[in-house]
Each structure stands twice: as C-alpha cells, then as structure tokens.
Amino acid sequence: MMVLGTGEASPARRPNGAVPAGGGAAPAADDPAHSPGVRAEWPLPTAGVLDELSGTFASARAALSSFLDLMSLEARRAGLTLMWMVVWGFVAAICIVVAWVGLTAALAMWAVSLGFPPIAAVISVAVINLAAGAVLIYVCFGMSRDLLFSATRRQVAGRSPVTPSAP
C-alpha cells in the first residue's frame, strides 16, 4: 500500500493492529491460511459495555453541542433581525408621520384657498386630528379587555364559560 504524498510504502493494515501468528514474519509459502483463495479469519474484538456507553454518551454530547451551537447562531440571527425590524419600523413610522403632516398641511392650504382664514384652517385640521386620535384611543381601551386572557383564566380556575343570558 502506498502512503499518499510520501512515495513510501506502508505496511498493510490489519484489524486493531493485530500481528500475524509468526510474530510479524513473512508468511510461509506452505501456510494454508495465506495461500491464494483462502481467506484468514481475524477475530473481531468485542467492545465492552462501558465502551459502548461512553461512545453513546460522546455521540449524545456531540449532538447536543451541535444543536446548542445551531440554536445560539439562530438566536443571534433572530436578535439582529429583530433589531433591524425595529429600526426600519421606526424609519417607516417617521415617514408616515411626515406624510400625514404633509397631507394635513395640504388640507389646510386647500381650506385657505377656499377662503377660510389661515388660522381657522390650521385649528380645524388640528381639531380633526385630535378627534381622530381620541376615537382611536377609545377603541384601543375597548380592545384592551381582550388582553386579560379571560378564557384561559377560567380554564385554569376550573370554572364553566360565561354564557350570555337570552334576551
């Protein structure tokens, strides 16, 4: 057998470093185990239970280590992605606010072009925005009841669901 890159021949590999019966000497020509067509049977070493268990634990440790490495890499990626989502969401919010201010300014300018006094146009646009904001806050307060996990709390407490009475 040739060892790659050295040009030197290496001895043929035997299972588990086994040495031939002759102490490593060349086989005799009349030895039937080494004659053509006859294959010598080498006894396979039997692994102990502790060797098998240590191999199993080493494999489990390697699999767990690889899994934790994968999780840490994905958590880092998720953290970076979340950070960029927050940044781009903030930039988008700024763009939306600027567009809204532009639209309200255009509405005020349109009102002035129709003959409204400039201060009245600006105040009326501000009052419209204030009313819209108040309505949206009222809707948010109404929706906040859904954040109480009432059905989950009833289930954990063991109470039956509340059924509305028939009208």
N, C-alpha and C. Protein backbone atom coordinates (compact mmCIF):
# COMPACT_ATOMS: atom_id res chain seq x y z
N MET A 1 0.86 -1.16 0.00
CA MET A 1 0.00 0.00 0.00
C MET A 1 0.90 1.22 0.00
N MET A 2 0.55 2.26 -0.74
CA MET A 2 1.32 3.47 -0.88
C MET A 2 0.75 4.55 0.02
N VAL A 3 1.56 5.28 0.74
CA VAL A 3 1.12 6.40 1.54
C VAL A 3 1.15 7.62 0.64
N LEU A 4 0.03 8.32 0.56
CA LEU A 4 -0.08 9.45 -0.35
C LEU A 4 0.91 10.54 0.01
N GLY A 5 1.54 11.09 -1.01
CA GLY A 5 2.41 12.24 -0.85
C GLY A 5 3.82 11.91 -0.39
N THR A 6 4.11 10.66 0.05
CA THR A 6 5.45 10.37 0.55
C THR A 6 6.21 9.49 -0.42
N GLY A 7 5.49 8.72 -1.23
CA GLY A 7 6.16 7.80 -2.15
C GLY A 7 6.69 6.58 -1.44
N GLU A 8 6.39 6.44 -0.14
CA GLU A 8 6.86 5.29 0.62
C GLU A 8 5.73 4.30 0.79
N ALA A 9 6.11 3.06 0.84
CA ALA A 9 5.11 2.02 1.06
C ALA A 9 4.90 1.86 2.55
N SER A 10 3.65 1.67 2.95
CA SER A 10 3.36 1.42 4.36
C SER A 10 2.87 -0.01 4.48
N PRO A 11 3.07 -0.60 5.62
CA PRO A 11 2.61 -1.98 5.79
C PRO A 11 1.10 -2.06 5.67
N ALA A 12 0.63 -3.21 5.20
CA ALA A 12 -0.81 -3.42 5.07
C ALA A 12 -1.45 -3.33 6.44
N ARG A 13 -2.61 -2.70 6.49
CA ARG A 13 -3.30 -2.53 7.78
C ARG A 13 -3.99 -3.82 8.17
N ARG A 14 -3.88 -4.13 9.44
CA ARG A 14 -4.58 -5.28 9.99
C ARG A 14 -5.55 -4.76 11.04
N PRO A 15 -6.65 -5.48 11.26
CA PRO A 15 -7.64 -5.01 12.23
C PRO A 15 -7.03 -4.85 13.62
N ASN A 16 -7.23 -3.68 14.20
CA ASN A 16 -6.82 -3.37 15.57
C ASN A 16 -5.34 -3.64 15.82
N GLY A 17 -4.52 -3.43 14.83
CA GLY A 17 -3.07 -3.59 14.99
C GLY A 17 -2.67 -5.03 15.27
N ALA A 18 -3.44 -6.00 14.76
CA ALA A 18 -3.13 -7.41 15.01
C ALA A 18 -1.83 -7.79 14.34
N VAL A 19 -1.08 -8.65 14.99
CA VAL A 19 0.19 -9.14 14.45
C VAL A 19 -0.02 -10.58 14.02
N PRO A 20 0.50 -10.95 12.85
CA PRO A 20 0.32 -12.34 12.40
C PRO A 20 0.93 -13.33 13.40
N ALA A 21 0.49 -14.55 13.30
CA ALA A 21 0.88 -15.58 14.25
C ALA A 21 2.39 -15.77 14.29
N GLY A 22 3.09 -15.53 13.23
CA GLY A 22 4.54 -15.73 13.18
C GLY A 22 5.30 -14.60 13.82
N GLY A 23 4.65 -13.70 14.54
CA GLY A 23 5.35 -12.61 15.20
C GLY A 23 5.73 -11.51 14.23
N GLY A 24 5.06 -11.41 13.11
CA GLY A 24 5.34 -10.34 12.18
C GLY A 24 6.21 -10.81 11.04
N ALA A 25 6.64 -12.04 11.06
CA ALA A 25 7.48 -12.55 9.97
C ALA A 25 6.62 -12.79 8.75
N ALA A 26 7.24 -12.91 7.62
CA ALA A 26 6.52 -13.15 6.37
C ALA A 26 5.87 -14.51 6.44
N PRO A 27 4.69 -14.67 5.84
CA PRO A 27 4.01 -15.97 5.90
C PRO A 27 4.78 -17.02 5.12
N ALA A 28 4.69 -18.19 5.63
CA ALA A 28 5.36 -19.31 4.96
C ALA A 28 4.61 -19.66 3.69
N ALA A 29 5.32 -20.17 2.71
CA ALA A 29 4.71 -20.48 1.42
C ALA A 29 3.73 -21.64 1.55
N ASP A 30 3.96 -22.54 2.50
CA ASP A 30 3.06 -23.69 2.62
C ASP A 30 1.95 -23.44 3.64
N ASP A 31 1.83 -22.23 4.16
CA ASP A 31 0.79 -21.89 5.14
C ASP A 31 -0.55 -21.83 4.40
N PRO A 32 -1.54 -22.70 4.75
CA PRO A 32 -2.81 -22.71 4.02
C PRO A 32 -3.63 -21.43 4.23
N ALA A 33 -3.41 -20.73 5.34
CA ALA A 33 -4.19 -19.52 5.58
C ALA A 33 -3.80 -18.39 4.63
N HIS A 34 -2.55 -18.48 4.08
CA HIS A 34 -2.10 -17.42 3.20
C HIS A 34 -1.99 -17.87 1.76
N SER A 35 -2.50 -19.00 1.47
CA SER A 35 -2.47 -19.44 0.08
C SER A 35 -3.59 -18.77 -0.68
N PRO A 36 -3.44 -18.62 -1.99
CA PRO A 36 -4.47 -17.95 -2.79
C PRO A 36 -5.80 -18.66 -2.66
N GLY A 37 -6.88 -17.90 -2.55
CA GLY A 37 -8.22 -18.45 -2.47
C GLY A 37 -8.67 -18.76 -1.06
N VAL A 38 -7.78 -18.73 -0.10
CA VAL A 38 -8.14 -19.00 1.29
C VAL A 38 -8.00 -17.68 2.05
N ARG A 39 -9.06 -17.32 2.74
CA ARG A 39 -9.06 -16.05 3.48
C ARG A 39 -8.93 -16.34 4.97
N ALA A 40 -8.00 -15.65 5.60
CA ALA A 40 -7.81 -15.84 7.03
C ALA A 40 -8.88 -15.06 7.78
N GLU A 41 -9.43 -15.66 8.78
CA GLU A 41 -10.45 -15.02 9.62
C GLU A 41 -9.77 -14.43 10.83
N TRP A 42 -9.90 -13.12 10.96
CA TRP A 42 -9.35 -12.45 12.13
C TRP A 42 -10.46 -12.29 13.14
N PRO A 43 -10.24 -12.62 14.36
CA PRO A 43 -11.30 -12.45 15.35
C PRO A 43 -11.54 -10.95 15.60
N LEU A 44 -12.81 -10.56 15.57
CA LEU A 44 -13.16 -9.17 15.82
C LEU A 44 -13.14 -8.90 17.32
N PRO A 45 -12.58 -7.79 17.73
CA PRO A 45 -12.56 -7.51 19.16
C PRO A 45 -13.97 -7.18 19.64
N THR A 46 -14.29 -7.64 20.80
CA THR A 46 -15.61 -7.35 21.36
C THR A 46 -15.48 -6.13 22.27
N ALA A 47 -16.34 -5.17 22.01
CA ALA A 47 -16.32 -3.95 22.82
C ALA A 47 -17.08 -4.19 24.11
N GLY A 48 -16.60 -3.63 25.16
CA GLY A 48 -17.25 -3.77 26.44
C GLY A 48 -18.46 -2.85 26.55
N VAL A 49 -19.30 -3.11 27.52
CA VAL A 49 -20.50 -2.31 27.73
C VAL A 49 -20.13 -0.87 28.06
N LEU A 50 -19.08 -0.70 28.85
CA LEU A 50 -18.66 0.65 29.21
C LEU A 50 -18.16 1.41 27.98
N ASP A 51 -17.47 0.72 27.08
CA ASP A 51 -17.03 1.38 25.84
C ASP A 51 -18.23 1.82 25.01
N GLU A 52 -19.23 0.95 24.93
CA GLU A 52 -20.43 1.29 24.17
C GLU A 52 -21.16 2.46 24.82
N LEU A 53 -21.30 2.45 26.14
CA LEU A 53 -21.97 3.54 26.84
C LEU A 53 -21.21 4.86 26.68
N SER A 54 -19.88 4.79 26.80
CA SER A 54 -19.12 6.03 26.65
C SER A 54 -19.21 6.54 25.22
N GLY A 55 -19.26 5.64 24.24
CA GLY A 55 -19.45 6.07 22.85
C GLY A 55 -20.82 6.69 22.64
N THR A 56 -21.83 6.10 23.27
CA THR A 56 -23.18 6.65 23.15
C THR A 56 -23.27 8.03 23.80
N PHE A 57 -22.68 8.16 24.99
CA PHE A 57 -22.70 9.46 25.66
C PHE A 57 -21.91 10.50 24.89
N ALA A 58 -20.79 10.09 24.29
CA ALA A 58 -20.00 11.03 23.49
C ALA A 58 -20.78 11.49 22.26
N SER A 59 -21.50 10.56 21.64
CA SER A 59 -22.32 10.93 20.49
C SER A 59 -23.46 11.85 20.90
N ALA A 60 -24.09 11.55 22.03
CA ALA A 60 -25.18 12.40 22.51
C ALA A 60 -24.66 13.79 22.86
N ARG A 61 -23.48 13.85 23.50
CA ARG A 61 -22.89 15.14 23.84
C ARG A 61 -22.55 15.94 22.58
N ALA A 62 -22.02 15.27 21.57
CA ALA A 62 -21.69 15.96 20.32
C ALA A 62 -22.96 16.46 19.63
N ALA A 63 -24.01 15.64 19.64
CA ALA A 63 -25.27 16.06 19.02
C ALA A 63 -25.87 17.24 19.78
N LEU A 64 -25.84 17.19 21.11
CA LEU A 64 -26.37 18.30 21.91
C LEU A 64 -25.54 19.56 21.70
N SER A 65 -24.23 19.41 21.65
CA SER A 65 -23.36 20.56 21.42
C SER A 65 -23.65 21.20 20.06
N SER A 66 -23.81 20.37 19.04
CA SER A 66 -24.12 20.89 17.71
C SER A 66 -25.48 21.58 17.71
N PHE A 67 -26.45 20.99 18.40
CA PHE A 67 -27.78 21.58 18.47
C PHE A 67 -27.74 22.92 19.18
N LEU A 68 -27.00 23.01 20.29
CA LEU A 68 -26.90 24.27 21.02
C LEU A 68 -26.15 25.33 20.21
N ASP A 69 -25.13 24.91 19.45
CA ASP A 69 -24.44 25.85 18.56
C ASP A 69 -25.40 26.40 17.53
N LEU A 70 -26.21 25.52 16.95
CA LEU A 70 -27.19 25.94 15.96
C LEU A 70 -28.21 26.90 16.58
N MET A 71 -28.68 26.58 17.79
CA MET A 71 -29.64 27.45 18.45
C MET A 71 -29.05 28.82 18.75
N SER A 72 -27.79 28.85 19.19
CA SER A 72 -27.18 30.14 19.51
C SER A 72 -26.98 30.97 18.25
N LEU A 73 -26.60 30.33 17.15
CA LEU A 73 -26.45 31.07 15.90
C LEU A 73 -27.80 31.61 15.41
N GLU A 74 -28.83 30.78 15.52
CA GLU A 74 -30.15 31.24 15.07
C GLU A 74 -30.71 32.32 16.02
N ALA A 75 -30.42 32.22 17.30
CA ALA A 75 -30.86 33.26 18.24
C ALA A 75 -30.16 34.58 17.94
N ARG A 76 -28.88 34.51 17.62
CA ARG A 76 -28.15 35.73 17.25
C ARG A 76 -28.74 36.33 15.99
N ARG A 77 -29.02 35.47 15.00
CA ARG A 77 -29.61 35.95 13.75
C ARG A 77 -31.00 36.56 14.01
N ALA A 78 -31.79 35.90 14.85
CA ALA A 78 -33.12 36.42 15.17
C ALA A 78 -33.01 37.75 15.90
N GLY A 79 -32.04 37.88 16.80
CA GLY A 79 -31.85 39.14 17.51
C GLY A 79 -31.48 40.27 16.56
N LEU A 80 -30.56 39.99 15.66
CA LEU A 80 -30.18 41.01 14.68
C LEU A 80 -31.35 41.37 13.77
N THR A 81 -32.10 40.37 13.36
CA THR A 81 -33.26 40.62 12.50
C THR A 81 -34.30 41.46 13.24
N LEU A 82 -34.54 41.15 14.51
CA LEU A 82 -35.49 41.93 15.30
C LEU A 82 -35.02 43.38 15.44
N MET A 83 -33.73 43.56 15.67
CA MET A 83 -33.19 44.91 15.80
C MET A 83 -33.41 45.69 14.50
N TRP A 84 -33.13 45.07 13.35
CA TRP A 84 -33.33 45.75 12.07
C TRP A 84 -34.81 46.00 11.81
N MET A 85 -35.67 45.08 12.24
CA MET A 85 -37.11 45.31 12.08
C MET A 85 -37.56 46.52 12.88
N VAL A 86 -37.05 46.66 14.10
CA VAL A 86 -37.40 47.82 14.92
C VAL A 86 -36.89 49.11 14.29
N VAL A 87 -35.65 49.07 13.80
CA VAL A 87 -35.08 50.27 13.16
C VAL A 87 -35.88 50.67 11.94
N TRP A 88 -36.17 49.70 11.05
CA TRP A 88 -36.91 50.03 9.83
C TRP A 88 -38.36 50.39 10.15
N GLY A 89 -38.93 49.80 11.19
CA GLY A 89 -40.27 50.21 11.62
C GLY A 89 -40.29 51.64 12.12
N PHE A 90 -39.24 52.04 12.85
CA PHE A 90 -39.14 53.41 13.34
C PHE A 90 -38.99 54.37 12.16
N VAL A 91 -38.16 54.02 11.18
CA VAL A 91 -38.00 54.87 9.99
C VAL A 91 -39.32 54.96 9.23
N ALA A 92 -40.02 53.83 9.11
CA ALA A 92 -41.32 53.85 8.43
C ALA A 92 -42.32 54.72 9.18
N ALA A 93 -42.30 54.66 10.51
CA ALA A 93 -43.21 55.50 11.30
C ALA A 93 -42.91 56.97 11.09
N ILE A 94 -41.64 57.31 11.02
CA ILE A 94 -41.28 58.71 10.74
C ILE A 94 -41.79 59.13 9.37
N CYS A 95 -41.61 58.25 8.38
CA CYS A 95 -42.10 58.57 7.03
C CYS A 95 -43.62 58.75 7.02
N ILE A 96 -44.33 57.91 7.74
CA ILE A 96 -45.79 58.01 7.78
C ILE A 96 -46.23 59.30 8.47
N VAL A 97 -45.55 59.65 9.56
CA VAL A 97 -45.89 60.89 10.27
C VAL A 97 -45.63 62.10 9.38
N VAL A 98 -44.51 62.11 8.69
CA VAL A 98 -44.20 63.23 7.79
C VAL A 98 -45.24 63.31 6.66
N ALA A 99 -45.64 62.15 6.14
CA ALA A 99 -46.66 62.15 5.08
C ALA A 99 -47.99 62.68 5.64
N TRP A 100 -48.35 62.29 6.86
CA TRP A 100 -49.59 62.77 7.47
C TRP A 100 -49.54 64.28 7.69
N VAL A 101 -48.42 64.77 8.16
CA VAL A 101 -48.27 66.21 8.36
C VAL A 101 -48.40 66.93 7.02
N GLY A 102 -47.80 66.37 5.99
CA GLY A 102 -47.91 66.96 4.65
C GLY A 102 -49.35 66.99 4.16
N LEU A 103 -50.07 65.89 4.38
CA LEU A 103 -51.47 65.85 3.96
C LEU A 103 -52.32 66.86 4.74
N THR A 104 -52.09 66.97 6.03
CA THR A 104 -52.87 67.94 6.80
C THR A 104 -52.50 69.37 6.42
N ALA A 105 -51.22 69.60 6.10
CA ALA A 105 -50.83 70.93 5.63
C ALA A 105 -51.50 71.23 4.29
N ALA A 106 -51.55 70.24 3.42
CA ALA A 106 -52.22 70.44 2.14
C ALA A 106 -53.70 70.70 2.34
N LEU A 107 -54.34 70.00 3.28
CA LEU A 107 -55.75 70.22 3.58
C LEU A 107 -55.97 71.65 4.10
N ALA A 108 -55.07 72.11 4.98
CA ALA A 108 -55.18 73.47 5.49
C ALA A 108 -54.98 74.49 4.37
N MET A 109 -54.02 74.23 3.49
CA MET A 109 -53.79 75.15 2.36
C MET A 109 -55.00 75.16 1.42
N TRP A 110 -55.62 74.01 1.24
CA TRP A 110 -56.81 73.95 0.38
C TRP A 110 -57.95 74.75 1.00
N ALA A 111 -58.08 74.61 2.34
CA ALA A 111 -59.13 75.37 3.05
C ALA A 111 -58.87 76.88 2.92
N VAL A 112 -57.61 77.30 3.00
CA VAL A 112 -57.27 78.72 2.84
C VAL A 112 -57.59 79.18 1.43
N SER A 113 -57.34 78.33 0.45
CA SER A 113 -57.64 78.71 -0.94
C SER A 113 -59.14 78.85 -1.18
N LEU A 114 -59.96 78.18 -0.37
CA LEU A 114 -61.41 78.31 -0.48
C LEU A 114 -61.94 79.55 0.25
N GLY A 115 -61.07 80.25 0.98
CA GLY A 115 -61.48 81.47 1.64
C GLY A 115 -61.48 81.41 3.15
N PHE A 116 -61.13 80.28 3.74
CA PHE A 116 -61.02 80.19 5.20
C PHE A 116 -59.83 81.04 5.64
N PRO A 117 -59.94 81.65 6.80
CA PRO A 117 -58.76 82.34 7.34
C PRO A 117 -57.68 81.32 7.67
N PRO A 118 -56.42 81.63 7.45
CA PRO A 118 -55.35 80.65 7.68
C PRO A 118 -55.35 80.07 9.09
N ILE A 119 -55.54 80.85 10.11
CA ILE A 119 -55.54 80.33 11.48
C ILE A 119 -56.71 79.39 11.71
N ALA A 120 -57.86 79.67 11.15
CA ALA A 120 -59.04 78.81 11.30
C ALA A 120 -58.81 77.48 10.59
N ALA A 121 -58.15 77.51 9.44
CA ALA A 121 -57.86 76.28 8.69
C ALA A 121 -56.91 75.38 9.50
N VAL A 122 -55.87 75.96 10.07
CA VAL A 122 -54.90 75.18 10.85
C VAL A 122 -55.57 74.62 12.10
N ILE A 123 -56.37 75.45 12.79
CA ILE A 123 -57.04 74.98 14.00
C ILE A 123 -58.05 73.88 13.67
N SER A 124 -58.79 74.03 12.59
CA SER A 124 -59.77 72.99 12.24
C SER A 124 -59.08 71.67 11.89
N VAL A 125 -57.95 71.72 11.20
CA VAL A 125 -57.20 70.48 10.89
C VAL A 125 -56.68 69.86 12.19
N ALA A 126 -56.21 70.68 13.11
CA ALA A 126 -55.71 70.17 14.39
C ALA A 126 -56.84 69.54 15.20
N VAL A 127 -58.03 70.15 15.21
CA VAL A 127 -59.18 69.61 15.94
C VAL A 127 -59.61 68.28 15.32
N ILE A 128 -59.60 68.18 13.99
CA ILE A 128 -59.95 66.92 13.31
C ILE A 128 -58.96 65.82 13.71
N ASN A 129 -57.67 66.15 13.73
CA ASN A 129 -56.65 65.17 14.14
C ASN A 129 -56.83 64.77 15.60
N LEU A 130 -57.14 65.74 16.46
CA LEU A 130 -57.36 65.45 17.87
C LEU A 130 -58.56 64.53 18.07
N ALA A 131 -59.64 64.78 17.35
CA ALA A 131 -60.84 63.94 17.45
C ALA A 131 -60.54 62.52 16.95
N ALA A 132 -59.83 62.42 15.84
CA ALA A 132 -59.49 61.09 15.32
C ALA A 132 -58.61 60.33 16.31
N GLY A 133 -57.65 61.02 16.92
CA GLY A 133 -56.79 60.38 17.93
C GLY A 133 -57.58 59.93 19.14
N ALA A 134 -58.52 60.76 19.60
CA ALA A 134 -59.35 60.38 20.76
C ALA A 134 -60.19 59.15 20.46
N VAL A 135 -60.77 59.08 19.26
CA VAL A 135 -61.56 57.90 18.88
C VAL A 135 -60.68 56.66 18.84
N LEU A 136 -59.47 56.78 18.29
CA LEU A 136 -58.57 55.62 18.22
C LEU A 136 -58.14 55.17 19.62
N ILE A 137 -57.91 56.10 20.53
CA ILE A 137 -57.55 55.72 21.90
C ILE A 137 -58.73 55.03 22.58
N TYR A 138 -59.95 55.50 22.36
CA TYR A 138 -61.13 54.87 22.93
C TYR A 138 -61.27 53.43 22.40
N VAL A 139 -61.04 53.24 21.11
CA VAL A 139 -61.10 51.89 20.53
C VAL A 139 -60.03 51.00 21.15
N CYS A 140 -58.83 51.54 21.36
CA CYS A 140 -57.75 50.75 21.99
C CYS A 140 -58.12 50.34 23.41
N PHE A 141 -58.72 51.25 24.18
CA PHE A 141 -59.16 50.88 25.53
C PHE A 141 -60.20 49.77 25.48
N GLY A 142 -61.10 49.84 24.53
CA GLY A 142 -62.11 48.79 24.38
C GLY A 142 -61.48 47.46 24.01
N MET A 143 -60.45 47.48 23.19
CA MET A 143 -59.78 46.25 22.78
C MET A 143 -58.90 45.67 23.88
N SER A 144 -58.55 46.48 24.87
CA SER A 144 -57.65 46.01 25.92
C SER A 144 -58.27 44.90 26.76
N ARG A 145 -59.59 44.77 26.76
CA ARG A 145 -60.23 43.68 27.50
C ARG A 145 -59.83 42.31 26.94
N ASP A 146 -59.45 42.27 25.67
CA ASP A 146 -59.03 41.00 25.07
C ASP A 146 -57.65 40.57 25.55
N LEU A 147 -56.94 41.44 26.23
CA LEU A 147 -55.60 41.12 26.71
C LEU A 147 -55.60 40.45 28.08
N LEU A 148 -56.76 40.23 28.66
CA LEU A 148 -56.84 39.69 30.01
C LEU A 148 -56.80 38.17 30.07
N PHE A 149 -56.81 37.48 28.94
CA PHE A 149 -56.79 36.02 28.89
C PHE A 149 -57.90 35.43 29.75
N SER A 150 -59.09 35.99 29.61
CA SER A 150 -60.20 35.58 30.48
C SER A 150 -60.56 34.10 30.28
N ALA A 151 -60.57 33.61 29.06
CA ALA A 151 -60.92 32.20 28.84
C ALA A 151 -59.86 31.28 29.43
N THR A 152 -58.59 31.64 29.31
CA THR A 152 -57.52 30.83 29.89
C THR A 152 -57.61 30.84 31.41
N ARG A 153 -57.88 31.99 32.00
CA ARG A 153 -58.02 32.07 33.45
C ARG A 153 -59.21 31.25 33.94
N ARG A 154 -60.32 31.27 33.19
CA ARG A 154 -61.47 30.44 33.57
C ARG A 154 -61.11 28.96 33.49
N GLN A 155 -60.38 28.57 32.44
CA GLN A 155 -60.00 27.16 32.27
C GLN A 155 -59.09 26.70 33.40
N VAL A 156 -58.12 27.52 33.77
CA VAL A 156 -57.20 27.16 34.85
C VAL A 156 -57.93 27.10 36.18
N ALA A 157 -58.87 28.00 36.39
CA ALA A 157 -59.64 28.03 37.64
C ALA A 157 -60.67 26.90 37.69
N GLY A 158 -61.00 26.31 36.56
CA GLY A 158 -61.99 25.23 36.53
C GLY A 158 -63.41 25.70 36.48
N ARG A 159 -63.63 26.96 36.17
CA ARG A 159 -64.99 27.48 36.08
C ARG A 159 -65.54 27.24 34.69
N SER A 160 -66.85 27.18 34.60
CA SER A 160 -67.50 26.99 33.31
C SER A 160 -67.53 28.32 32.57
N PRO A 161 -67.61 28.27 31.24
CA PRO A 161 -67.64 29.53 30.50
C PRO A 161 -68.90 30.32 30.80
N VAL A 162 -68.76 31.63 30.72
CA VAL A 162 -69.89 32.51 30.99
C VAL A 162 -70.72 32.57 29.73
N THR A 163 -72.00 32.20 29.84
CA THR A 163 -72.90 32.27 28.68
C THR A 163 -73.84 33.45 28.87
N PRO A 164 -73.98 34.27 27.85
CA PRO A 164 -74.86 35.42 27.98
C PRO A 164 -76.30 34.96 28.10
N SER A 165 -77.07 35.68 28.87
CA SER A 165 -78.47 35.32 29.04
C SER A 165 -79.25 35.67 27.77
N ALA A 166 -80.28 34.88 27.52
CA ALA A 166 -81.09 35.10 26.31
C ALA A 166 -81.92 36.36 26.47
N PRO A 167 -82.06 37.17 25.42
CA PRO A 167 -82.83 38.42 25.54
C PRO A 167 -84.31 38.20 25.63
